[in-house]
């Protein structure tokens, strides 16, 4: 791509401003733009499978993707919900190992695939980008440790309350003193986030509704009392 002032595709991408690519130089943005492919994905499609070899990284332009592992009993455990600006697959790529998890589209998404060579070239020639990625890897490890601690010490009720708060913070839309979670997850998916059975989630959601903490509209959850949920989740402990 030329060095003219003609805008490049990555320059026009709103999600880049909230991604780790936000501080790339013009030449590096140009290199990424020249080599990437942007693909539209429908809900339910797989982005990558656990055990396969990474050939690059994925940058989320729009949509929601669930990152999950499948246990020996066939049940899925959702590790993370990725959204606009998130970078996926870099841990396996940098570790030169196969994916340790899988990724599936939860809401229709547009995702850019950046091949290994231009990604690594950019990484090793931009100290700020390198530091950002290193920090992200450290944060990922810390979050995993927190999840393990929560699973061993928090009750299912506490974990569900905290999960609802996290979803509200990431996908909440304010209105009328309430906060609607603008992301429709099945009860099975919500259960796999906190590591329990869907029957337990259904029962607890009904109890939260009875306690006036939330409202339910089909699959949608509307938060009415964030303070109450925070206390229930032992967030302040």
Protein backbone atom coordinates (compact mmCIF):
# COMPACT_ATOMS: atom_id res chain seq x y z
CA UNK A 1 0.00 0.00 0.00
CA UNK A 2 1.31 3.44 -0.87
CA UNK A 3 2.34 6.07 1.65
CA UNK A 4 -0.20 8.58 0.35
CA UNK A 5 -2.89 10.17 2.52
CA UNK A 6 -5.56 7.89 1.08
CA UNK A 7 -7.21 6.25 4.13
CA UNK A 8 -6.56 2.55 4.62
CA UNK A 9 -9.27 0.11 5.79
CA UNK A 10 -7.81 -0.19 9.31
CA UNK A 11 -7.76 3.60 9.56
CA UNK A 12 -11.52 3.63 9.09
CA UNK A 13 -12.21 0.86 11.63
CA UNK A 14 -13.92 2.18 14.75
CA UNK A 15 -12.99 -0.93 16.73
CA UNK A 16 -9.27 -0.24 16.22
CA UNK A 17 -9.50 2.67 18.63
CA UNK A 18 -10.36 0.29 21.47
CA UNK A 19 -8.03 -2.53 20.39
CA UNK A 20 -4.35 -3.24 21.01
CA UNK A 21 -3.72 -2.00 17.46
CA UNK A 22 -4.63 1.56 18.47
CA UNK A 23 -1.02 2.81 18.75
CA UNK A 24 0.46 1.32 15.58
CA UNK A 25 2.39 3.57 13.24
CA UNK A 26 0.95 4.43 9.83
CA UNK A 27 3.34 2.00 8.14
CA UNK A 28 2.36 -0.80 10.53
CA UNK A 29 -1.34 -0.13 10.05
CA UNK A 30 -0.66 -0.24 6.31
CA UNK A 31 1.06 -3.62 6.66
CA UNK A 32 -1.79 -5.09 8.70
CA UNK A 33 -4.36 -3.74 6.23
CA UNK A 34 -2.52 -5.22 3.27
CA UNK A 35 -2.41 -8.69 4.78
CA UNK A 36 -5.63 -9.08 6.75
CA UNK A 37 -8.95 -10.56 5.66
CA UNK A 38 -12.26 -9.36 7.09
CA UNK A 39 -14.96 -12.04 7.18
CA UNK A 40 -18.58 -11.87 8.31
CA UNK A 41 -19.66 -14.72 10.60
CA UNK A 42 -23.15 -15.84 11.56
CA UNK A 43 -24.31 -16.82 15.03
CA UNK A 44 -23.39 -20.43 15.79
CA UNK A 45 -20.39 -20.58 13.45
CA UNK A 46 -17.03 -21.73 14.82
CA UNK A 47 -14.08 -19.37 14.60
CA UNK A 48 -11.48 -21.94 15.64
CA UNK A 49 -11.33 -25.32 17.38
CA UNK A 50 -9.38 -26.49 20.42
CA UNK A 51 -6.37 -28.56 19.37
CA UNK A 52 -5.88 -26.91 15.97
CA UNK A 53 -2.82 -24.88 15.01
CA UNK A 54 -3.07 -21.07 14.96
CA UNK A 55 -2.02 -19.45 11.70
CA UNK A 56 -2.54 -15.88 12.87
CA UNK A 57 -4.74 -13.80 15.18
CA UNK A 58 -8.34 -12.58 15.06
CA UNK A 59 -9.40 -8.98 15.72
CA UNK A 60 -13.10 -8.48 16.49
CA UNK A 61 -14.62 -5.64 14.48
CA UNK A 62 -18.16 -6.28 15.74
CA UNK A 63 -20.24 -9.00 17.35
CA UNK A 64 -19.73 -11.30 20.33
CA UNK A 65 -17.68 -14.51 20.49
CA UNK A 66 -17.60 -17.07 23.27
CA UNK A 67 -14.26 -18.64 24.15
CA UNK A 68 -14.82 -22.04 25.74
CA UNK A 69 -13.37 -25.43 26.64
CA UNK A 70 -15.16 -28.75 26.31
CA UNK A 71 -14.81 -31.11 29.26
CA UNK A 72 -14.46 -34.88 29.00
CA UNK A 73 -18.18 -35.22 29.76
CA UNK A 74 -19.01 -33.10 26.71
CA UNK A 75 -20.09 -30.01 28.65
CA UNK A 76 -18.75 -26.59 27.66
CA UNK A 77 -17.18 -24.11 30.08
CA UNK A 78 -17.25 -20.53 28.81
CA UNK A 79 -13.98 -18.81 29.70
CA UNK A 80 -14.59 -15.41 28.18
CA UNK A 81 -16.97 -13.42 25.97
CA UNK A 82 -15.02 -11.41 23.40
CA UNK A 83 -16.41 -8.26 21.82
CA UNK A 84 -15.47 -5.26 19.66
CA UNK A 85 -11.73 -4.52 19.71
CA UNK A 86 -10.68 -7.79 21.34
CA UNK A 87 -7.75 -9.77 19.95
CA UNK A 88 -8.08 -13.56 19.92
CA UNK A 89 -5.62 -16.39 19.50
CA UNK A 90 -2.41 -14.53 20.31
CA UNK A 91 -1.56 -16.64 23.36
CA UNK A 92 -1.41 -19.90 21.39
CA UNK A 93 0.40 -18.20 18.51
CA UNK A 94 3.11 -16.72 20.73
CA UNK A 95 3.45 -19.96 22.68
CA UNK A 96 3.81 -21.89 19.41
CA UNK A 97 1.17 -24.36 20.56
CA UNK A 98 -2.25 -25.49 19.44
CA UNK A 99 -5.36 -23.67 20.64
CA UNK A 100 -6.22 -24.69 24.20
CA UNK A 101 -9.84 -23.57 23.74
CA UNK A 102 -12.46 -23.07 21.03
CA UNK A 103 -14.30 -19.96 19.80
CA UNK A 104 -17.89 -19.73 18.58
CA UNK A 105 -19.93 -16.76 17.33
CA UNK A 106 -22.66 -15.76 19.83
CA UNK A 107 -23.89 -12.69 17.91
CA UNK A 108 -23.32 -12.08 14.19
CA UNK A 109 -19.77 -10.79 13.89
CA UNK A 110 -17.25 -9.22 11.54
CA UNK A 111 -13.75 -10.43 12.32
CA UNK A 112 -10.40 -9.61 10.75
CA UNK A 113 -7.82 -12.38 10.44
CA UNK A 114 -4.19 -11.22 10.55
CA UNK A 115 -1.65 -13.88 9.43
CA UNK A 116 1.23 -14.85 11.69
CA UNK A 117 4.13 -13.13 9.89
CA UNK A 118 2.77 -9.55 9.60
CA UNK A 119 1.43 -9.81 13.17
CA UNK A 120 4.78 -10.91 14.63
CA UNK A 121 6.67 -8.35 12.54
CA UNK A 122 4.47 -5.60 13.92
CA UNK A 123 4.75 -6.95 17.47
CA UNK A 124 8.55 -7.05 17.49
CA UNK A 125 8.92 -3.62 15.89
CA UNK A 126 6.59 -1.66 18.17
CA UNK A 127 7.59 -1.54 21.83
CA UNK A 128 4.25 -0.07 22.96
CA UNK A 129 2.30 -2.81 21.19
CA UNK A 130 4.65 -5.42 22.69
CA UNK A 131 4.08 -4.03 26.21
CA UNK A 132 0.30 -3.98 25.68
CA UNK A 133 0.27 -7.61 24.61
CA UNK A 134 2.50 -8.65 27.51
CA UNK A 135 0.17 -6.86 29.93
CA UNK A 136 -2.85 -8.57 28.35
CA UNK A 137 -1.22 -11.99 28.79
CA UNK A 138 -0.56 -11.22 32.44
CA UNK A 139 -4.16 -10.07 32.95
CA UNK A 140 -5.46 -13.23 31.28
CA UNK A 141 -3.48 -15.31 33.75
CA UNK A 142 -4.79 -13.27 36.67
CA UNK A 143 -8.40 -13.67 35.50
CA UNK A 144 -7.94 -17.42 35.18
CA UNK A 145 -6.63 -17.59 38.74
CA UNK A 146 -9.64 -15.57 39.96
CA UNK A 147 -12.03 -17.96 38.19
CA UNK A 148 -10.37 -20.95 39.84
CA UNK A 149 -10.62 -19.26 43.25
CA UNK A 150 -14.28 -18.33 42.70
CA UNK A 151 -15.13 -21.88 41.61
CA UNK A 152 -13.66 -23.28 44.83
CA UNK A 153 -14.86 -20.65 47.32
CA UNK A 154 -18.01 -18.95 45.99
CA UNK A 155 -21.47 -20.49 45.89
CA UNK A 156 -23.40 -20.86 42.63
CA UNK A 157 -25.69 -18.02 43.77
CA UNK A 158 -22.71 -15.71 44.30
CA UNK A 159 -21.14 -16.65 40.96
CA UNK A 160 -24.37 -16.05 39.05
CA UNK A 161 -24.90 -12.64 40.68
CA UNK A 162 -21.35 -11.64 39.79
CA UNK A 163 -21.71 -12.93 36.21
CA UNK A 164 -24.86 -10.86 35.74
CA UNK A 165 -23.02 -7.77 37.01
CA UNK A 166 -20.15 -8.39 34.59
CA UNK A 167 -22.54 -8.83 31.67
CA UNK A 168 -24.37 -5.64 32.66
CA UNK A 169 -21.09 -3.71 32.77
CA UNK A 170 -20.04 -4.98 29.33
CA UNK A 171 -23.36 -5.12 27.49
CA UNK A 172 -25.76 -3.07 29.63
CA UNK A 173 -28.05 -0.41 28.16
CA UNK A 174 -29.38 2.12 30.67
CA UNK A 175 -33.03 3.14 30.69
CA UNK A 176 -35.64 4.05 33.29
CA UNK A 177 -33.31 3.41 36.21
CA UNK A 178 -32.70 -0.14 34.97
CA UNK A 179 -29.98 -1.74 32.89
CA UNK A 180 -30.92 -4.17 30.14
CA UNK A 181 -28.24 -6.68 29.17
CA UNK A 182 -28.14 -6.33 25.40
CA UNK A 183 -26.87 -9.86 24.82
CA UNK A 184 -29.10 -12.88 24.56
CA UNK A 185 -27.44 -15.92 26.11
CA UNK A 186 -29.24 -19.22 26.52
CA UNK A 187 -29.64 -20.54 30.04
CA UNK A 188 -27.16 -23.27 29.06
CA UNK A 189 -24.58 -20.65 28.03
CA UNK A 190 -25.13 -18.67 31.23
CA UNK A 191 -24.70 -21.89 33.22
CA UNK A 192 -21.46 -22.68 31.39
CA UNK A 193 -20.06 -19.25 32.34
CA UNK A 194 -20.35 -20.03 36.05
CA UNK A 195 -19.79 -23.79 35.82
CA UNK A 196 -23.13 -25.25 36.86
CA UNK A 197 -26.25 -26.93 35.47
CA UNK A 198 -28.82 -24.94 33.49
CA UNK A 199 -31.52 -26.07 35.94
CA UNK A 200 -29.70 -24.28 38.75
CA UNK A 201 -29.47 -21.08 36.69
CA UNK A 202 -33.19 -21.19 35.86
CA UNK A 203 -34.07 -21.65 39.54
CA UNK A 204 -31.75 -18.88 40.73
CA UNK A 205 -32.91 -16.42 38.08
CA UNK A 206 -36.48 -16.98 39.27
CA UNK A 207 -35.32 -16.29 42.84
CA UNK A 208 -33.47 -13.12 41.77
CA UNK A 209 -36.63 -11.96 40.02
CA UNK A 210 -38.73 -12.69 43.11
CA UNK A 211 -36.24 -10.67 45.20
CA UNK A 212 -36.67 -7.75 42.77
CA UNK A 213 -33.00 -7.82 41.70
CA UNK A 214 -33.74 -8.45 38.02
CA UNK A 215 -36.51 -8.68 35.45
CA UNK A 216 -36.77 -11.39 32.80
CA UNK A 217 -38.09 -10.90 29.27
CA UNK A 218 -37.58 -14.20 27.49
CA UNK A 219 -33.82 -14.72 27.36
CA UNK A 220 -33.16 -11.06 28.20
CA UNK A 221 -32.09 -10.08 31.70
CA UNK A 222 -32.80 -6.58 33.02
CA UNK A 223 -30.88 -5.51 36.12
CA UNK A 224 -32.98 -3.57 38.62
CA UNK A 225 -30.72 -3.55 41.68
CA UNK A 226 -26.96 -3.58 40.99
CA UNK A 227 -26.13 -2.85 44.62
CA UNK A 228 -28.19 -5.83 45.74
CA UNK A 229 -26.50 -8.09 43.20
CA UNK A 230 -23.07 -6.81 44.28
CA UNK A 231 -23.81 -7.61 47.92
CA UNK A 232 -25.17 -11.01 46.95
CA UNK A 233 -22.07 -11.76 44.85
CA UNK A 234 -19.82 -10.95 47.83
CA UNK A 235 -18.20 -8.38 45.52
CA UNK A 236 -17.20 -6.15 48.44
CA UNK A 237 -15.70 -8.94 50.51
